[in-house]
Amino acid sequence: MPDAGTVTGRCRCGAVSYVATGEAEHSSLCHCADCARSAGAPVVGWAMFPEAAVTVTGKPVTFESSPGVLRQFCGTCGSGLFYRAEAVFPGKVDIQSATFDDPEALPPTARIQVADAARWWRGFGDLPAFERFPG
């Protein structure tokens, strides 16, 4: 993964912000059912950093979505922010990449948990695309 240097981001309302320094271990799009349900979206972007490389300002709310899996979000606006699973990723934190101040900072390099992806994803690239709303 290329060195991002410093990645900054925040929730929608700005009550929780963060700075992540150094190299991300991955930047991926996750299709798992847990991420989809938690985000209310069919796919969630993540970038993983060592815990020590991430500084959080503000107080995210923590929800244990399954045993040992902590999802954190802003208690004011509800933006999803962080994912921690010590048993699987010790000392790591995944940051939802849609919360980056620069959306181009760490483009995804993989799609993960595709076994959970809705069947319609297979034809995703064939859907009509519009710059804004269709006329």
Protein backbone atom coordinates (compact mmCIF):
# COMPACT_ATOMS: atom_id res chain seq x y z
CA MET A 1 0.00 0.00 0.00
CA PRO A 2 1.48 3.42 -0.84
CA ASP A 3 2.36 5.70 2.04
CA ALA A 4 -0.49 8.13 2.50
CA GLY A 5 1.58 10.35 4.78
CA THR A 6 -1.28 11.84 6.75
CA VAL A 7 -4.96 11.15 6.28
CA THR A 8 -7.49 13.34 8.05
CA GLY A 9 -11.22 12.93 8.32
CA ARG A 10 -14.34 13.47 10.35
CA CYS A 11 -17.96 12.58 10.83
CA ARG A 12 -20.68 14.53 8.98
CA CYS A 13 -21.19 17.10 11.76
CA GLY A 14 -17.53 17.41 12.80
CA ALA A 15 -18.01 16.31 16.42
CA VAL A 16 -15.50 13.47 15.88
CA SER A 17 -12.38 13.86 13.78
CA TYR A 18 -9.16 11.92 13.33
CA VAL A 19 -5.64 11.97 11.94
CA ALA A 20 -3.99 8.78 10.67
CA THR A 21 -0.28 8.86 9.85
CA GLY A 22 1.95 6.51 7.90
CA GLU A 23 1.10 3.67 5.61
CA ALA A 24 -2.32 2.05 5.49
CA GLU A 25 -2.21 -1.73 5.56
CA HIS A 26 -5.08 -1.95 3.12
CA SER A 27 -7.78 0.10 1.49
CA SER A 28 -10.70 -2.05 0.46
CA LEU A 29 -14.41 -2.16 -0.23
CA CYS A 30 -16.26 -4.60 2.03
CA HIS A 31 -19.43 -6.41 0.97
CA CYS A 32 -20.04 -8.32 4.23
CA ALA A 33 -23.57 -8.42 5.58
CA ASP A 34 -22.47 -6.89 8.90
CA CYS A 35 -20.96 -3.82 7.23
CA ALA A 36 -23.96 -3.43 4.94
CA ARG A 37 -26.40 -3.61 7.84
CA SER A 38 -24.32 -1.28 10.03
CA ALA A 39 -23.89 1.34 7.30
CA GLY A 40 -27.22 0.95 5.55
CA ALA A 41 -25.25 0.61 2.31
CA PRO A 42 -24.35 -2.32 0.04
CA VAL A 43 -20.61 -1.71 0.36
CA VAL A 44 -18.34 0.09 2.85
CA GLY A 45 -14.84 1.42 2.19
CA TRP A 46 -12.16 0.77 4.82
CA ALA A 47 -8.51 1.69 5.33
CA MET A 48 -6.60 -0.06 8.11
CA PHE A 49 -3.92 1.60 10.23
CA PRO A 50 -1.98 0.63 13.33
CA GLU A 51 -3.90 1.84 16.40
CA ALA A 52 -0.91 3.94 17.49
CA ALA A 53 -1.00 5.84 14.16
CA VAL A 54 -4.56 7.13 14.67
CA THR A 55 -5.45 10.11 16.86
CA VAL A 56 -9.15 10.69 17.50
CA THR A 57 -10.62 14.00 18.65
CA GLY A 58 -14.09 13.86 20.14
CA LYS A 59 -15.88 10.89 21.66
CA PRO A 60 -17.27 8.31 19.25
CA VAL A 61 -19.98 5.96 20.50
CA THR A 62 -18.97 2.29 20.61
CA PHE A 63 -21.28 -0.57 19.69
CA GLU A 64 -20.21 -4.22 20.00
CA SER A 65 -21.84 -5.55 16.82
CA SER A 66 -20.71 -9.11 17.51
CA PRO A 67 -18.49 -10.59 20.24
CA GLY A 68 -15.18 -8.72 20.21
CA VAL A 69 -16.12 -6.52 17.21
CA LEU A 70 -16.38 -2.82 18.03
CA ARG A 71 -17.93 -0.38 15.59
CA GLN A 72 -17.64 3.31 16.42
CA PHE A 73 -19.72 6.16 15.13
CA CYS A 74 -20.63 9.75 15.92
CA GLY A 75 -23.38 9.90 18.54
CA THR A 76 -24.61 13.20 17.13
CA CYS A 77 -24.89 12.64 13.36
CA GLY A 78 -24.55 8.84 13.21
CA SER A 79 -21.63 8.70 10.76
CA GLY A 80 -19.81 5.37 10.92
CA LEU A 81 -16.10 5.87 11.59
CA PHE A 82 -14.05 3.00 13.03
CA TYR A 83 -13.96 -0.79 13.26
CA ARG A 84 -11.88 -2.72 15.76
CA ALA A 85 -11.66 -6.52 16.11
CA GLU A 86 -8.73 -7.29 18.40
CA ALA A 87 -8.94 -11.08 17.87
CA VAL A 88 -8.66 -10.74 14.09
CA PHE A 89 -6.70 -7.47 13.71
CA PRO A 90 -4.72 -6.95 16.94
CA GLY A 91 -3.56 -3.37 17.43
CA LYS A 92 -5.31 -2.17 14.26
CA VAL A 93 -8.17 0.15 13.46
CA ASP A 94 -10.15 0.26 10.22
CA ILE A 95 -11.36 3.72 9.25
CA GLN A 96 -14.36 4.21 6.97
CA SER A 97 -12.73 5.79 3.94
CA ALA A 98 -15.84 7.77 2.97
CA THR A 99 -15.08 9.96 6.01
CA PHE A 100 -11.67 11.08 4.67
CA ASP A 101 -11.33 14.81 4.06
CA ASP A 102 -9.70 13.88 0.73
CA PRO A 103 -11.80 11.15 -0.91
CA GLU A 104 -8.89 10.39 -3.27
CA ALA A 105 -6.40 9.81 -0.42
CA LEU A 106 -6.43 6.00 -0.49
CA PRO A 107 -8.25 4.48 -3.45
CA PRO A 108 -9.46 0.93 -2.78
CA THR A 109 -7.16 -1.81 -4.02
CA ALA A 110 -9.49 -4.76 -3.37
CA ARG A 111 -13.05 -5.87 -2.74
CA ILE A 112 -13.47 -8.18 0.23
CA GLN A 113 -16.20 -10.47 1.58
CA VAL A 114 -17.68 -10.70 -1.92
CA ALA A 115 -19.42 -13.95 -0.91
CA ASP A 116 -21.94 -11.70 0.87
CA ALA A 117 -22.40 -9.29 -2.05
CA ALA A 118 -25.89 -9.05 -3.51
CA ARG A 119 -26.18 -10.90 -6.82
CA TRP A 120 -26.96 -7.65 -8.61
CA TRP A 121 -23.33 -6.52 -8.01
CA ARG A 122 -22.30 -8.79 -10.89
CA GLY A 123 -23.98 -6.39 -13.32
CA PHE A 124 -23.11 -3.18 -11.46
CA GLY A 125 -20.83 -1.89 -14.21
CA ASP A 126 -23.62 -2.30 -16.78
CA LEU A 127 -26.02 0.10 -15.00
CA PRO A 128 -26.63 3.52 -16.57
CA ALA A 129 -24.55 6.24 -14.90
CA PHE A 130 -25.51 9.90 -14.44
CA GLU A 131 -23.29 12.80 -13.27
CA ARG A 132 -26.16 13.92 -11.01
CA PHE A 133 -29.83 12.91 -10.94
CA PRO A 134 -31.20 11.56 -14.23
CA GLY A 135 -33.10 14.11 -16.30
